[in-house]
C-alpha atoms as a PDB file:
ATOM      1  CA  MET A   1       0.045   0.087  -0.025  1.00  0.00           C
ATOM      2  CA  ARG A   2       1.344   3.475  -0.974  1.00  0.00           C
ATOM      3  CA  ILE A   3       0.233   6.576   0.852  1.00  0.00           C
ATOM      4  CA  ALA A   4       0.949  10.033  -0.039  1.00  0.00           C
ATOM      5  CA  VAL A   5       1.573  12.155   3.144  1.00  0.00           C
ATOM      6  CA  VAL A   6       1.280  15.956   2.915  1.00  0.00           C
ATOM      7  CA  ALA A   7       0.972  18.642   5.467  1.00  0.00           C
ATOM      8  CA  ASP A   8       0.862  22.416   5.720  1.00  0.00           C
ATOM      9  CA  THR A   9      -0.338  23.300   2.372  1.00  0.00           C
ATOM     10  CA  HIS A  10      -1.781  26.566   3.690  1.00  0.00           C
ATOM     11  CA  ASP A  11      -4.212  27.194   0.624  1.00  0.00           C
ATOM     12  CA  ARG A  12      -1.749  25.967  -2.055  1.00  0.00           C
ATOM     13  CA  LEU A  13      -1.214  22.830  -3.875  1.00  0.00           C
ATOM     14  CA  PRO A  14       1.106  22.777  -6.578  1.00  0.00           C
ATOM     15  CA  GLU A  15       0.159  20.950  -9.701  1.00  0.00           C
ATOM     16  CA  SER A  16       3.430  19.219  -9.518  1.00  0.00           C
ATOM     17  CA  VAL A  17       2.550  17.366  -6.126  1.00  0.00           C
ATOM     18  CA  CYS A  18      -0.973  16.437  -7.596  1.00  0.00           C
ATOM     19  CA  ALA A  19       0.834  14.769 -10.570  1.00  0.00           C
ATOM     20  CA  ALA A  20       3.398  13.393  -8.253  1.00  0.00           C
ATOM     21  CA  VAL A  21       0.835  11.594  -5.981  1.00  0.00           C
ATOM     22  CA  ARG A  22      -1.277  10.101  -8.630  1.00  0.00           C
ATOM     23  CA  GLY A  23      -1.385   6.373  -8.196  1.00  0.00           C
ATOM     24  CA  ALA A  24      -1.438   6.680  -4.239  1.00  0.00           C
ATOM     25  CA  ASP A  25      -3.862   4.220  -2.569  1.00  0.00           C
ATOM     26  CA  GLU A  26      -4.530   6.875   0.123  1.00  0.00           C
ATOM     27  CA  ILE A  27      -3.359  10.670   0.758  1.00  0.00           C
ATOM     28  CA  TRP A  28      -3.159  11.486   4.262  1.00  0.00           C
ATOM     29  CA  HIS A  29      -3.116  15.442   5.166  1.00  0.00           C
ATOM     30  CA  LEU A  30      -1.683  16.449   8.425  1.00  0.00           C
ATOM     31  CA  GLY A  31      -3.264  19.665   8.878  1.00  0.00           C
ATOM     32  CA  ASP A  32      -3.134  23.375   7.873  1.00  0.00           C
ATOM     33  CA  VAL A  33      -5.003  22.603   4.764  1.00  0.00           C
ATOM     34  CA  CYS A  34      -6.681  26.099   5.316  1.00  0.00           C
ATOM     35  CA  SER A  35      -8.852  25.980   1.979  1.00  0.00           C
ATOM     36  CA  PRO A  36     -11.213  22.993   1.728  1.00  0.00           C
ATOM     37  CA  VAL A  37     -10.828  23.170  -1.936  1.00  0.00           C
ATOM     38  CA  ILE A  38      -7.427  21.443  -1.406  1.00  0.00           C
ATOM     39  CA  LEU A  39      -8.973  18.397  -0.061  1.00  0.00           C
ATOM     40  CA  VAL A  40     -11.479  18.321  -2.927  1.00  0.00           C
ATOM     41  CA  THR A  41      -8.533  18.248  -5.374  1.00  0.00           C
ATOM     42  CA  LEU A  42      -6.795  15.354  -3.430  1.00  0.00           C
ATOM     43  CA  GLU A  43     -10.026  13.465  -3.289  1.00  0.00           C
ATOM     44  CA  ARG A  44     -10.205  13.230  -6.996  1.00  0.00           C
ATOM     45  CA  ILE A  45      -6.737  11.446  -6.786  1.00  0.00           C
ATOM     46  CA  ALA A  46      -7.260   8.954  -3.833  1.00  0.00           C
ATOM     47  CA  PRO A  47      -9.290   8.609  -0.703  1.00  0.00           C
ATOM     48  CA  VAL A  48      -8.158  11.183   1.850  1.00  0.00           C
ATOM     49  CA  ARG A  49      -7.582  11.242   5.590  1.00  0.00           C
ATOM     50  CA  VAL A  50      -7.159  14.552   7.258  1.00  0.00           C
ATOM     51  CA  VAL A  51      -6.717  16.033  10.603  1.00  0.00           C
ATOM     52  CA  ARG A  52      -7.412  19.753  11.552  1.00  0.00           C
ATOM     53  CA  GLY A  53      -4.441  21.978  11.970  1.00  0.00           C
ATOM     54  CA  ASN A  54      -3.987  25.259  14.102  1.00  0.00           C
ATOM     55  CA  CYS A  55      -4.801  27.255  10.902  1.00  0.00           C
ATOM     56  CA  ASP A  56      -7.761  25.235   9.882  1.00  0.00           C
ATOM     57  CA  SER A  57     -11.329  26.442  10.721  1.00  0.00           C
ATOM     58  CA  GLU A  58     -13.411  23.419   9.443  1.00  0.00           C
ATOM     59  CA  THR A  59     -14.631  22.023  12.926  1.00  0.00           C
ATOM     60  CA  ASP A  60     -15.768  18.830  11.004  1.00  0.00           C
ATOM     61  CA  TRP A  61     -12.166  17.618  10.523  1.00  0.00           C
ATOM     62  CA  PRO A  62     -11.060  15.712  13.636  1.00  0.00           C
ATOM     63  CA  LEU A  63      -8.037  16.907  15.582  1.00  0.00           C
ATOM     64  CA  THR A  64      -6.627  13.483  15.759  1.00  0.00           C
ATOM     65  CA  LEU A  65      -7.129  10.069  13.980  1.00  0.00           C
ATOM     66  CA  ASP A  66      -6.163   6.716  15.453  1.00  0.00           C
ATOM     67  CA  PHE A  67      -6.310   3.364  13.441  1.00  0.00           C
ATOM     68  CA  THR A  68      -4.489   0.310  12.768  1.00  0.00           C
ATOM     69  CA  LEU A  69      -3.340  -0.632   9.142  1.00  0.00           C
ATOM     70  CA  HIS A  70      -1.133  -3.509   8.280  1.00  0.00           C
ATOM     71  CA  GLY A  71      -0.786  -4.453  11.987  1.00  0.00           C
ATOM     72  CA  LEU A  72       0.515  -1.002  12.956  1.00  0.00           C
ATOM     73  CA  ARG A  73      -1.009   1.636  15.242  1.00  0.00           C
ATOM     74  CA  PHE A  74      -0.989   4.847  13.585  1.00  0.00           C
ATOM     75  CA  HIS A  75      -1.832   8.341  15.262  1.00  0.00           C
ATOM     76  CA  LEU A  76      -2.297  11.454  12.998  1.00  0.00           C
ATOM     77  CA  GLU A  77      -2.204  14.878  14.762  1.00  0.00           C
ATOM     78  CA  HIS A  78      -1.152  18.249  13.294  1.00  0.00           C
ATOM     79  CA  ILE A  79       0.862  19.577  16.310  1.00  0.00           C
ATOM     80  CA  PRO A  80       2.974  16.780  17.805  1.00  0.00           C
ATOM     81  CA  SER A  81       2.081  16.050  21.573  1.00  0.00           C
ATOM     82  CA  ARG A  82       4.804  15.896  24.093  1.00  0.00           C
ATOM     83  CA  LYS A  83       3.477  12.530  25.312  1.00  0.00           C
ATOM     84  CA  PRO A  84       2.146  10.540  22.423  1.00  0.00           C
ATOM     85  CA  PRO A  85      -0.668   8.206  22.761  1.00  0.00           C
ATOM     86  CA  VAL A  86      -0.083   4.565  22.638  1.00  0.00           C
ATOM     87  CA  CYS A  87       0.904   3.958  19.004  1.00  0.00           C
ATOM     88  CA  ASP A  88       3.553   2.594  16.791  1.00  0.00           C
ATOM     89  CA  ILE A  89       3.789   5.465  14.368  1.00  0.00           C
ATOM     90  CA  PHE A  90       3.011   9.144  14.996  1.00  0.00           C
ATOM     91  CA  LEU A  91       2.587  11.347  11.925  1.00  0.00           C
ATOM     92  CA  HIS A  92       2.461  15.188  12.368  1.00  0.00           C
ATOM     93  CA  GLY A  93       2.917  18.401  10.528  1.00  0.00           C
ATOM     94  CA  HIS A  94       3.115  21.816  12.031  1.00  0.00           C
ATOM     95  CA  THR A  95       7.067  22.429  11.962  1.00  0.00           C
ATOM     96  CA  HIS A  96       7.326  22.556   8.237  1.00  0.00           C
ATOM     97  CA  VAL A  97      10.379  20.508   8.695  1.00  0.00           C
ATOM     98  CA  PRO A  98      10.777  16.702   7.711  1.00  0.00           C
ATOM     99  CA  ARG A  99      11.200  14.217  10.684  1.00  0.00           C
ATOM    100  CA  ASP A 100      11.934  10.574  10.870  1.00  0.00           C
ATOM    101  CA  GLU A 101      12.827  10.019  14.524  1.00  0.00           C
ATOM    102  CA  THR A 102      12.020   7.153  17.133  1.00  0.00           C
ATOM    103  CA  VAL A 103      11.363   8.351  20.572  1.00  0.00           C
ATOM    104  CA  GLY A 104      10.678   5.786  23.478  1.00  0.00           C
ATOM    105  CA  GLY A 105       9.594   3.156  20.790  1.00  0.00           C
ATOM    106  CA  VAL A 106       7.339   5.561  18.827  1.00  0.00           C
ATOM    107  CA  ARG A 107       8.403   6.388  15.351  1.00  0.00           C
ATOM    108  CA  PHE A 108       7.647  10.174  14.623  1.00  0.00           C
ATOM    109  CA  LEU A 109       7.253  10.979  10.813  1.00  0.00           C
ATOM    110  CA  ASN A 110       6.607  14.451   9.521  1.00  0.00           C
ATOM    111  CA  PRO A 111       6.712  15.011   5.438  1.00  0.00           C
ATOM    112  CA  GLY A 112       7.671  18.682   5.896  1.00  0.00           C
ATOM    113  CA  CYS A 113       5.872  21.583   4.062  1.00  0.00           C
ATOM    114  CA  ILE A 114       4.698  21.693   0.660  1.00  0.00           C
ATOM    115  CA  THR A 115       4.746  25.531   0.242  1.00  0.00           C
ATOM    116  CA  ARG A 116       6.605  27.230   3.206  1.00  0.00           C
ATOM    117  CA  PRO A 117       9.477  24.907   4.372  1.00  0.00           C
ATOM    118  CA  ASN A 118      11.367  26.050   7.629  1.00  0.00           C
ATOM    119  CA  ARG A 119      14.896  25.978   8.777  1.00  0.00           C
ATOM    120  CA  GLY A 120      16.435  25.462   5.439  1.00  0.00           C
ATOM    121  CA  ALA A 121      14.335  22.261   4.483  1.00  0.00           C
ATOM    122  CA  PRO A 122      13.178  22.049   0.965  1.00  0.00           C
ATOM    123  CA  ALA A 123       9.502  21.900   0.085  1.00  0.00           C
ATOM    124  CA  SER A 124       8.448  18.478   0.433  1.00  0.00           C
ATOM    125  CA  TYR A 125       5.762  15.742   0.783  1.00  0.00           C
ATOM    126  CA  ALA A 126       6.504  12.019   1.713  1.00  0.00           C
ATOM    127  CA  TRP A 127       5.558   8.658   0.570  1.00  0.00           C
ATOM    128  CA  LEU A 128       4.751   5.821   3.242  1.00  0.00           C
ATOM    129  CA  THR A 129       4.802   2.194   1.962  1.00  0.00           C
ATOM    130  CA  LEU A 130       3.178  -0.589   4.093  1.00  0.00           C
ATOM    131  CA  GLY A 131       3.673  -4.291   3.151  1.00  0.00           C
ATOM    132  CA  HIS A 132       4.972  -7.539   3.999  1.00  0.00           C
ATOM    133  CA  GLY A 133       5.480  -6.448   7.605  1.00  0.00           C
ATOM    134  CA  LYS A 134       7.444  -3.545   6.600  1.00  0.00           C
ATOM    135  CA  LEU A 135       7.223   0.423   6.618  1.00  0.00           C
ATOM    136  CA  MET A 136       9.149   2.400   4.237  1.00  0.00           C
ATOM    137  CA  TRP A 137       9.269   6.262   4.575  1.00  0.00           C
ATOM    138  CA  LYS A 138      10.647   8.529   1.954  1.00  0.00           C
ATOM    139  CA  VAL A 139      10.500  12.435   1.819  1.00  0.00           C
ATOM    140  CA  MET A 140      10.262  13.986  -1.673  1.00  0.00           C
ATOM    141  CA  PRO A 141      11.246  17.446  -2.657  1.00  0.00           C
ATOM    142  CA  VAL A 142       8.467  19.295  -4.619  1.00  0.00           C
ATOM    143  CA  GLN A 143       9.428  19.635  -8.074  1.00  0.00           C
ATOM    144  CA  GLN A 144       9.383  23.442  -9.001  1.00  0.00           C
ATOM    145  CA  PRO A 145       7.938  24.403 -12.391  1.00  0.00           C
ATOM    146  CA  HIS A 146      10.436  25.153 -15.048  1.00  0.00           C
ATOM    147  CA  ARG A 147      10.546  28.823 -16.172  1.00  0.00           C
END
C-alpha cells in the first residue's frame, strides 16, 4: 500500500504535487489545509484522511485520527504531543520540517511542508509504503515549475 503524506499546504497545492501523488492508494493530510478546495482536489486522486491544524477552521475535521493498518497503530495529529498516545507511528505536521525519529519506541514522521518550508528544509511531501510487515518512509522534494 502506497500512501502520499502531505502537511501544511496553507491554501496552495502545486500541480507538480498532484501529478506526483497520482497512483497513491490513500492520501493523508496532516493539517493546515486552510482551504477545503485542497481536499476536493486530493480526493479526485485517492481517498483522503485529514486532521485539523491550528490554521484550519473546519470543525468537522478531527483533531486526531487513530487507526490500525497492516498491524501498525497509527496516530495522526497536526501539532506533535509531548506525550504521544499509545501507537507505533505518530505522523504530524506543523513544524514545516521533515522528520523521521524514534523516541521511546514511537516512530515520529513529518513530511515537511509543501509551500512554506522552514529551517532550510526544501518544500516536500512523503511516501509511506506498507507491506509484508515493513514500513518505508521517503521524503520527496516538491518539483518546482520550469521557467
